[in-house]
Amino acid sequence: MKILYVTRLFSGLEDSFYTKKWNPSGVPTIYRIIEEIDRLHTPRFVFTAKDNGRGYFSKWDESDDQEVTLTGLKHNVHVISGINFFPAWLGRKVRMILREIRQSFSIMIEVVKFRPDIIYCDHANVLVGGILSRIQSEIPVVFRVMGVDGFMRQCLTPENFIQKFYGWAYKSPFSLVLCTQDGSGVELWLKKGLKRGVTYEVLLNGVDVVNLCAVKDKNLFRIPDNKVVILFIGKLEKYKGCYEFVESILLMLEKKHQNIHAIMVGTGGEEIYLRNTVKKEHATKYFTFIDRLKHEQIFEAHSICDIYVSLNHFGNLSNANLEAIQSNDCMIIASPQYKLGIDVITEKILGNSVIKVPINNSNELADRLIELIYSEEKRNLMSQYIMKRKKDFLYSWDERINYEIRLFKNILKDK
């Protein structure tokens, strides 16, 4: 298959493009399908620098488009520059509009030159994907959705031109909409947001087999082994629940429950504030902040933790949480938000194998943590529950990616 693969330039891929060595981090849903397409098919990889987005921190400041040859991939990647292509005096908003127009035309030119069998586009490029699916029917267009956020819900009842434009794009005649099941309430949105009759698939992400490293990361090596270790993995943004996590730990310390140590793996817009808050409360020795861990070290982090916490406001079936499940962690996650459909499927999948607390409720989180830190028996019991439960729904990344490739082939067969 000839596949035109169009996705935003994720921050976890930027280092690879600068070093010219394929060594991705984060977004396994993206890089694993890239590797499989690169291995077995004829792709044209196009990455669009978007320079913006909640929790997105780009180091890519190139003003010109880049054609990059990478050790580790057989095919080159093409990076379309973002707002830096345009002079700064135009202002950020104007440059963002011009960026979208220019990137869309560049992608259309790629379609003409490459003549793919399938066009794949992610949410960051849905506008051009929608246009391509409307102006021609010869080449199938696959729209990739990595969960649903607040903006996408707003587009269901648009209040401004941008929301209306995106709402129009979502209702394009895509050949397939491929959606990650992350607990964000994708089912409700897909039924309302897509054009009637468009085929969609909702897939849980895969997860690796637990393989521990011979040598631990130095940050993990320093974690005290005489404390109950509580782990948080995710972007340090409010919607990820990082505030509730830090506040609950500080509440526990205030109540003299000091036999704990918190690990926070991730970076983001709230990192400086959270670090300063911990410092201000003289609690630095009870926290370890780790900006990034190599993927092979993630299971090491789980192996030394006693409790894993995730209060993601937008869904709790993320890659990080699937890895916690694979590690048989004693888990505390966010309660379902039934009105929005968030974590309703999570409740069905996980049931009582995890402990649930409402978002934005640091006091209840602290109470649940206090119960667990004084009961190793309860922690072990929760670990056994999740170990049994996961057998019903977890599957490997190889199975997940192979299924996605089969969907592409089925589209061509139907065509």
Protein backbone atom coordinates (compact mmCIF):
# COMPACT_ATOMS: atom_id res chain seq x y z
CA MET A 1 0.00 0.00 0.00
CA LYS A 2 1.03 3.56 -0.68
CA ILE A 3 0.05 5.51 2.43
CA LEU A 4 0.24 9.28 2.83
CA TYR A 5 0.59 9.51 6.59
CA VAL A 6 -0.09 13.02 7.91
CA THR A 7 0.21 13.84 11.61
CA ARG A 8 1.27 16.70 13.81
CA LEU A 9 4.89 16.90 14.89
CA PHE A 10 4.63 15.52 18.42
CA SER A 11 7.21 16.71 20.92
CA GLY A 12 8.22 13.09 21.57
CA LEU A 13 9.42 12.82 17.96
CA GLU A 14 11.33 16.09 17.66
CA ASP A 15 14.58 14.84 19.16
CA SER A 16 14.67 12.03 16.60
CA PHE A 17 14.37 14.54 13.76
CA TYR A 18 17.16 16.72 15.16
CA THR A 19 19.56 13.83 15.86
CA LYS A 20 18.62 11.98 12.64
CA LYS A 21 18.17 8.79 14.68
CA TRP A 22 14.75 7.21 15.17
CA ASN A 23 14.35 7.11 18.96
CA PRO A 24 10.76 8.21 19.71
CA SER A 25 9.27 8.82 23.13
CA GLY A 26 5.63 9.18 24.09
CA VAL A 27 2.74 8.71 21.62
CA PRO A 28 3.29 4.95 21.06
CA THR A 29 0.01 4.88 19.10
CA ILE A 30 1.73 7.08 16.52
CA TYR A 31 5.29 5.82 16.40
CA ARG A 32 4.41 2.12 16.39
CA ILE A 33 2.13 2.42 13.37
CA ILE A 34 4.81 4.52 11.66
CA GLU A 35 7.35 1.76 12.23
CA GLU A 36 4.99 -0.90 10.85
CA ILE A 37 4.05 1.13 7.77
CA ASP A 38 7.72 1.95 7.18
CA ARG A 39 8.62 -1.74 7.42
CA LEU A 40 5.97 -3.26 5.17
CA HIS A 41 4.53 -0.56 2.93
CA THR A 42 5.37 2.48 0.79
CA PRO A 43 4.70 5.54 2.91
CA ARG A 44 5.08 9.26 2.60
CA PHE A 45 5.42 10.57 6.15
CA VAL A 46 4.37 14.21 6.57
CA PHE A 47 4.59 15.97 9.95
CA THR A 48 3.03 19.38 10.53
CA ALA A 49 4.54 21.68 13.16
CA LYS A 50 1.61 23.16 15.05
CA ASP A 51 3.43 25.24 17.68
CA ASN A 52 0.47 25.20 20.03
CA GLY A 53 -1.94 23.08 22.01
CA ARG A 54 -2.74 22.27 25.65
CA GLY A 55 0.30 20.71 27.25
CA TYR A 56 2.27 20.78 24.00
CA PHE A 57 5.80 22.16 24.17
CA SER A 58 7.56 22.26 20.85
CA LYS A 59 11.29 22.74 20.41
CA TRP A 60 10.89 22.76 16.64
CA ASP A 61 11.60 26.33 15.53
CA GLU A 62 12.64 25.74 11.92
CA SER A 63 11.35 28.41 9.54
CA ASP A 64 11.70 26.20 6.45
CA ASP A 65 10.27 22.79 5.62
CA GLN A 66 12.66 19.91 6.30
CA GLU A 67 13.24 16.59 4.55
CA VAL A 68 14.86 14.31 7.12
CA THR A 69 16.63 10.99 6.64
CA LEU A 70 16.65 8.93 9.83
CA THR A 71 18.72 5.99 10.93
CA GLY A 72 16.13 3.42 11.95
CA LEU A 73 13.51 4.26 9.30
CA LYS A 74 13.73 3.20 5.65
CA HIS A 75 11.76 6.17 4.37
CA ASN A 76 12.38 9.88 4.80
CA VAL A 77 10.08 12.12 6.79
CA HIS A 78 8.90 15.54 5.65
CA VAL A 79 8.30 18.26 8.24
CA ILE A 80 6.17 21.25 7.24
CA SER A 81 7.18 24.28 9.29
CA GLY A 82 4.74 26.15 11.51
CA ILE A 83 4.28 29.81 12.32
CA ASN A 84 8.02 30.52 12.07
CA PHE A 85 7.65 30.37 8.29
CA PHE A 86 5.97 33.78 8.53
CA PRO A 87 7.43 37.06 9.89
CA ALA A 88 6.81 37.71 13.59
CA TRP A 89 5.34 41.17 12.95
CA LEU A 90 2.18 39.54 11.59
CA GLY A 91 1.29 38.43 15.12
CA ARG A 92 0.64 34.93 16.46
CA LYS A 93 -3.04 34.62 15.52
CA VAL A 94 -2.53 35.71 11.92
CA ARG A 95 0.48 33.42 11.55
CA MET A 96 -1.53 30.48 12.93
CA ILE A 97 -4.23 31.04 10.30
CA LEU A 98 -1.63 31.35 7.55
CA ARG A 99 0.10 28.22 8.88
CA GLU A 100 -3.08 26.16 8.49
CA ILE A 101 -3.67 27.43 4.96
CA ARG A 102 -0.08 26.83 3.88
CA GLN A 103 0.15 23.38 5.48
CA SER A 104 -3.15 22.35 3.87
CA PHE A 105 -1.95 23.35 0.41
CA SER A 106 1.37 21.58 1.01
CA ILE A 107 -0.46 18.36 1.93
CA MET A 108 -2.68 18.64 -1.15
CA ILE A 109 0.43 18.95 -3.30
CA GLU A 110 1.79 15.79 -1.62
CA VAL A 111 -1.41 13.98 -2.62
CA VAL A 112 -0.96 14.99 -6.25
CA LYS A 113 2.75 14.09 -6.33
CA PHE A 114 2.63 10.86 -4.31
CA ARG A 115 -0.73 9.51 -5.55
CA PRO A 116 -1.36 7.37 -2.44
CA ASP A 117 -3.77 4.48 -2.06
CA ILE A 118 -4.84 5.82 1.35
CA ILE A 119 -4.61 9.20 3.06
CA TYR A 120 -4.26 9.12 6.83
CA CYS A 121 -4.66 12.30 8.90
CA ASP A 122 -4.83 12.97 12.62
CA HIS A 123 -6.98 15.51 14.47
CA ALA A 124 -4.45 18.31 14.07
CA ASN A 125 -4.89 17.96 10.29
CA VAL A 126 -8.61 17.19 10.16
CA LEU A 127 -9.39 20.38 8.24
CA VAL A 128 -7.37 19.36 5.20
CA GLY A 129 -8.43 15.74 5.69
CA GLY A 130 -12.06 16.83 5.58
CA ILE A 131 -11.49 18.89 2.45
CA LEU A 132 -9.70 16.02 0.69
CA SER A 133 -12.51 13.59 1.52
CA ARG A 134 -15.06 16.03 0.08
CA ILE A 135 -13.36 17.13 -3.12
CA GLN A 136 -12.44 13.64 -4.29
CA SER A 137 -13.67 10.12 -3.65
CA GLU A 138 -10.97 8.16 -5.46
CA ILE A 139 -8.53 8.03 -2.52
CA PRO A 140 -9.95 6.88 0.85
CA VAL A 141 -9.28 9.25 3.76
CA VAL A 142 -8.81 7.82 7.27
CA PHE A 143 -9.34 10.22 10.17
CA ARG A 144 -7.45 9.31 13.36
CA VAL A 145 -8.91 10.49 16.68
CA MET A 146 -6.82 10.07 19.84
CA GLY A 147 -9.66 10.52 22.31
CA VAL A 148 -12.11 13.40 22.70
CA ASP A 149 -11.46 16.70 24.46
CA GLY A 150 -13.48 19.75 25.47
CA PHE A 151 -12.97 21.58 22.17
CA MET A 152 -14.35 18.66 20.19
CA ARG A 153 -17.44 18.62 22.40
CA GLN A 154 -17.89 22.37 21.94
CA CYS A 155 -17.93 21.83 18.18
CA LEU A 156 -21.12 19.79 18.57
CA THR A 157 -22.92 23.04 19.49
CA PRO A 158 -20.62 25.64 17.88
CA GLU A 159 -20.59 29.23 19.08
CA ASN A 160 -17.96 30.71 16.74
CA PHE A 161 -16.58 30.31 13.26
CA ILE A 162 -13.64 28.10 14.27
CA GLN A 163 -15.90 25.64 16.08
CA LYS A 164 -18.30 25.61 13.11
CA PHE A 165 -15.42 24.98 10.69
CA TYR A 166 -14.12 22.05 12.72
CA GLY A 167 -17.66 20.73 13.18
CA TRP A 168 -18.01 20.82 9.38
CA ALA A 169 -14.69 18.94 9.00
CA TYR A 170 -15.73 16.24 11.47
CA LYS A 171 -18.84 15.55 9.39
CA SER A 172 -16.84 14.89 6.23
CA PRO A 173 -17.35 11.64 4.28
CA PHE A 174 -14.30 9.83 5.67
CA SER A 175 -13.78 6.24 4.61
CA LEU A 176 -12.95 5.34 8.21
CA VAL A 177 -12.66 7.09 11.55
CA LEU A 178 -10.21 5.31 13.83
CA CYS A 179 -10.60 6.31 17.48
CA THR A 180 -8.55 5.46 20.56
CA GLN A 181 -10.57 4.20 23.51
CA ASP A 182 -9.07 6.29 26.31
CA GLY A 183 -12.15 6.63 28.50
CA SER A 184 -12.87 10.18 27.30
CA GLY A 185 -16.43 9.42 26.23
CA VAL A 186 -15.65 8.84 22.57
CA GLU A 187 -18.84 6.84 21.95
CA LEU A 188 -21.18 9.78 22.54
CA TRP A 189 -19.06 12.15 20.46
CA LEU A 190 -18.71 9.78 17.51
CA LYS A 191 -22.48 9.35 17.27
CA LYS A 192 -23.11 13.11 17.29
CA GLY A 193 -19.97 14.51 15.65
CA LEU A 194 -19.55 12.34 12.56
CA LYS A 195 -21.49 12.30 9.32
CA ARG A 196 -24.25 9.72 9.45
CA GLY A 197 -23.18 6.43 7.88
CA VAL A 198 -19.41 6.97 8.30
CA THR A 199 -17.72 3.82 9.57
CA TYR A 200 -15.77 4.12 12.80
CA GLU A 201 -13.71 1.82 14.99
CA VAL A 202 -12.96 2.37 18.69
CA LEU A 203 -9.79 0.57 19.79
CA LEU A 204 -8.07 0.29 23.13
CA ASN A 205 -4.33 0.81 22.81
CA GLY A 206 -1.91 -2.06 23.17
CA VAL A 207 0.57 -2.54 25.98
CA ASP A 208 4.03 -4.06 26.20
CA VAL A 209 5.01 -7.14 28.17
CA VAL A 210 6.70 -6.16 31.43
CA ASN A 211 10.47 -6.24 30.94
CA LEU A 212 12.60 -4.80 33.70
CA CYS A 213 15.96 -3.21 32.89
CA ALA A 214 19.28 -4.51 34.15
CA VAL A 215 20.11 -1.00 35.40
CA LYS A 216 17.56 1.39 36.87
CA ASP A 217 17.43 5.05 35.92
CA LYS A 218 19.47 7.04 38.44
CA ASN A 219 16.36 8.94 39.58
CA LEU A 220 14.57 5.70 40.43
CA PHE A 221 17.64 4.27 42.12
CA ARG A 222 17.45 7.11 44.67
CA ILE A 223 13.87 6.42 45.76
CA PRO A 224 13.79 5.38 49.44
CA ASP A 225 12.82 1.74 49.92
CA ASN A 226 11.51 2.20 53.47
CA LYS A 227 8.55 4.37 52.38
CA VAL A 228 5.22 3.67 50.69
CA VAL A 229 5.84 4.91 47.14
CA ILE A 230 2.97 6.69 45.35
CA LEU A 231 3.39 7.16 41.59
CA PHE A 232 1.97 9.73 39.14
CA ILE A 233 2.81 9.56 35.42
CA GLY A 234 1.53 12.17 32.99
CA LYS A 235 1.81 15.72 31.74
CA LEU A 236 1.93 18.24 34.54
CA GLU A 237 -1.26 20.00 33.43
CA LYS A 238 -4.35 20.65 35.55
CA TYR A 239 -6.56 18.37 33.46
CA LYS A 240 -4.25 15.45 34.26
CA GLY A 241 -5.03 15.71 37.97
CA CYS A 242 -1.53 16.72 39.04
CA TYR A 243 -2.88 19.39 41.42
CA GLU A 244 -5.06 16.90 43.30
CA PHE A 245 -2.09 14.56 43.52
CA VAL A 246 0.29 17.12 45.06
CA GLU A 247 -2.39 18.58 47.33
CA SER A 248 -3.33 15.14 48.66
CA ILE A 249 0.29 14.30 49.47
CA LEU A 250 0.70 17.64 51.28
CA LEU A 251 -2.54 17.00 53.21
CA MET A 252 -1.20 13.63 54.32
CA LEU A 253 2.06 15.16 55.46
CA GLU A 254 0.15 17.89 57.32
CA LYS A 255 -1.68 15.11 59.20
CA LYS A 256 1.71 13.56 60.09
CA HIS A 257 1.44 10.60 57.71
CA GLN A 258 5.08 10.78 56.73
CA ASN A 259 5.87 7.19 55.74
CA ILE A 260 5.35 8.09 52.07
CA HIS A 261 7.30 9.19 49.01
CA ALA A 262 5.70 10.59 45.85
CA ILE A 263 7.15 10.20 42.35
CA MET A 264 5.90 12.50 39.59
CA VAL A 265 7.03 11.54 36.08
CA GLY A 266 6.27 14.17 33.45
CA THR A 267 6.64 17.78 32.49
CA GLY A 268 4.23 20.54 31.56
CA GLY A 269 2.97 24.04 32.15
CA GLU A 270 2.32 23.48 35.86
CA GLU A 271 5.70 21.97 36.69
CA ILE A 272 7.34 25.10 38.10
CA TYR A 273 4.29 25.96 40.21
CA LEU A 274 4.04 22.44 41.62
CA ARG A 275 7.75 22.28 42.42
CA ASN A 276 7.57 25.68 44.15
CA THR A 277 4.49 24.63 46.11
CA VAL A 278 6.27 21.53 47.39
CA LYS A 279 9.33 23.61 48.27
CA LYS A 280 7.21 26.24 50.03
CA GLU A 281 5.62 23.54 52.20
CA HIS A 282 9.10 22.17 53.08
CA ALA A 283 8.13 18.81 51.54
CA THR A 284 10.90 18.45 48.97
CA LYS A 285 12.33 15.31 50.56
CA TYR A 286 8.95 13.57 50.12
CA PHE A 287 8.83 14.15 46.35
CA THR A 288 10.89 13.09 43.35
CA PHE A 289 10.12 14.96 40.12
CA ILE A 290 11.35 13.26 36.93
CA ASP A 291 10.92 15.18 33.68
CA ARG A 292 11.24 12.18 31.40
CA LEU A 293 11.86 8.48 31.68
CA LYS A 294 12.91 6.33 28.76
CA HIS A 295 10.12 3.98 27.79
CA GLU A 296 12.04 0.92 28.95
CA GLN A 297 12.31 2.50 32.42
CA ILE A 298 8.56 3.01 32.87
CA PHE A 299 8.00 -0.53 34.15
CA GLU A 300 10.90 0.01 36.54
CA ALA A 301 8.98 2.93 38.02
CA HIS A 302 5.92 0.71 38.43
CA SER A 303 8.01 -2.05 40.01
CA ILE A 304 9.05 0.21 42.90
CA CYS A 305 5.68 1.86 43.47
CA ASP A 306 3.07 0.68 45.97
CA ILE A 307 0.18 2.85 44.75
CA TYR A 308 -0.51 4.41 41.35
CA VAL A 309 -2.75 7.48 41.03
CA SER A 310 -4.44 8.90 37.91
CA LEU A 311 -7.18 11.53 38.14
CA ASN A 312 -7.20 12.52 34.47
CA HIS A 313 -10.24 14.76 34.00
CA PHE A 314 -10.73 13.58 30.40
CA GLY A 315 -10.42 9.81 30.70
CA ASN A 316 -8.40 7.10 32.43
CA LEU A 317 -7.61 4.45 29.83
CA SER A 318 -4.45 6.21 28.66
CA ASN A 319 -1.23 4.46 27.66
CA ALA A 320 0.24 5.31 31.06
CA ASN A 321 -2.71 3.72 32.84
CA LEU A 322 -2.67 0.61 30.66
CA GLU A 323 0.98 0.17 31.65
CA ALA A 324 -0.03 0.50 35.31
CA ILE A 325 -2.67 -2.18 34.75
CA GLN A 326 -0.12 -4.40 33.02
CA SER A 327 2.14 -3.92 36.07
CA ASN A 328 -0.66 -5.07 38.42
CA ASP A 329 -0.50 -1.80 40.35
CA CYS A 330 -2.81 -0.97 43.22
CA MET A 331 -4.61 1.89 41.44
CA ILE A 332 -6.66 4.94 42.34
CA ILE A 333 -8.38 6.58 39.34
CA ALA A 334 -11.09 9.15 38.70
CA SER A 335 -14.76 8.27 39.16
CA PRO A 336 -16.97 8.24 36.03
CA GLN A 337 -18.44 11.55 34.83
CA TYR A 338 -21.72 10.21 33.52
CA LYS A 339 -23.09 13.44 32.03
CA LEU A 340 -20.08 13.74 29.72
CA GLY A 341 -19.68 10.01 29.19
CA ILE A 342 -16.14 10.21 30.59
CA ASP A 343 -14.83 6.99 32.15
CA VAL A 344 -18.18 5.22 31.80
CA ILE A 345 -16.46 2.54 29.71
CA THR A 346 -13.55 2.59 32.18
CA GLU A 347 -15.99 1.67 34.94
CA LYS A 348 -17.32 -1.22 32.85
CA ILE A 349 -13.87 -2.51 32.01
CA LEU A 350 -12.18 -2.16 35.41
CA GLY A 351 -15.10 -2.46 37.83
CA ASN A 352 -13.97 -2.90 41.45
CA SER A 353 -10.40 -3.79 40.55
CA VAL A 354 -9.44 -0.13 41.13
CA ILE A 355 -10.36 2.48 43.73
CA LYS A 356 -12.22 5.52 42.40
CA VAL A 357 -12.43 9.10 43.67
CA PRO A 358 -14.00 12.21 42.08
CA ILE A 359 -11.82 14.69 40.22
CA ASN A 360 -11.02 17.98 41.98
CA ASN A 361 -11.24 16.31 45.38
CA SER A 362 -7.86 16.24 47.07
CA ASN A 363 -9.35 15.48 50.50
CA GLU A 364 -11.02 12.26 49.39
CA LEU A 365 -7.90 11.21 47.50
CA ALA A 366 -5.85 11.78 50.67
CA ASP A 367 -8.33 9.72 52.69
CA ARG A 368 -8.11 6.78 50.24
CA LEU A 369 -4.33 6.98 50.21
CA ILE A 370 -4.17 6.97 54.02
CA GLU A 371 -6.25 3.78 54.07
CA LEU A 372 -3.85 2.13 51.63
CA ILE A 373 -0.52 3.21 53.07
CA TYR A 374 -1.40 1.49 56.36
CA SER A 375 -2.70 -1.70 54.76
CA GLU A 376 -0.25 -3.70 52.70
CA GLU A 377 -2.90 -6.44 52.66
CA LYS A 378 -5.40 -4.12 50.91
CA ARG A 379 -2.75 -3.02 48.40
CA ASN A 380 -1.91 -6.64 47.58
CA LEU A 381 -5.59 -7.49 47.24
CA MET A 382 -6.16 -4.64 44.75
CA SER A 383 -3.11 -5.81 42.82
CA GLN A 384 -4.55 -9.32 42.60
CA TYR A 385 -7.91 -7.94 41.42
CA ILE A 386 -6.34 -6.03 38.54
CA MET A 387 -4.09 -8.97 37.61
CA LYS A 388 -7.19 -11.15 37.08
CA ARG A 389 -9.29 -8.44 35.42
CA LYS A 390 -6.74 -7.39 32.80
CA LYS A 391 -6.86 -10.80 31.12
CA ASP A 392 -10.29 -9.88 29.72
CA PHE A 393 -9.25 -6.76 27.77
CA LEU A 394 -5.50 -6.09 27.50
CA TYR A 395 -3.72 -7.01 24.29
CA SER A 396 -0.26 -6.47 22.85
CA TRP A 397 0.92 -3.63 20.65
CA ASP A 398 1.64 -6.10 17.86
CA GLU A 399 -2.00 -7.24 17.90
CA ARG A 400 -3.22 -3.66 18.05
CA ILE A 401 -1.10 -2.41 15.13
CA ASN A 402 -1.79 -5.47 12.99
CA TYR A 403 -5.51 -4.89 13.41
CA GLU A 404 -5.14 -1.28 12.28
CA ILE A 405 -3.22 -2.33 9.18
CA ARG A 406 -5.96 -4.86 8.37
CA LEU A 407 -8.52 -2.07 8.53
CA PHE A 408 -6.53 -0.14 5.90
CA LYS A 409 -6.42 -3.20 3.64
CA ASN A 410 -10.17 -3.75 4.06
CA ILE A 411 -10.83 -0.19 2.93
CA LEU A 412 -8.98 -0.86 -0.32
CA LYS A 413 -10.81 -4.16 -0.81
CA ASP A 414 -14.17 -2.44 -0.36
CA LYS A 415 -13.12 0.28 -2.77
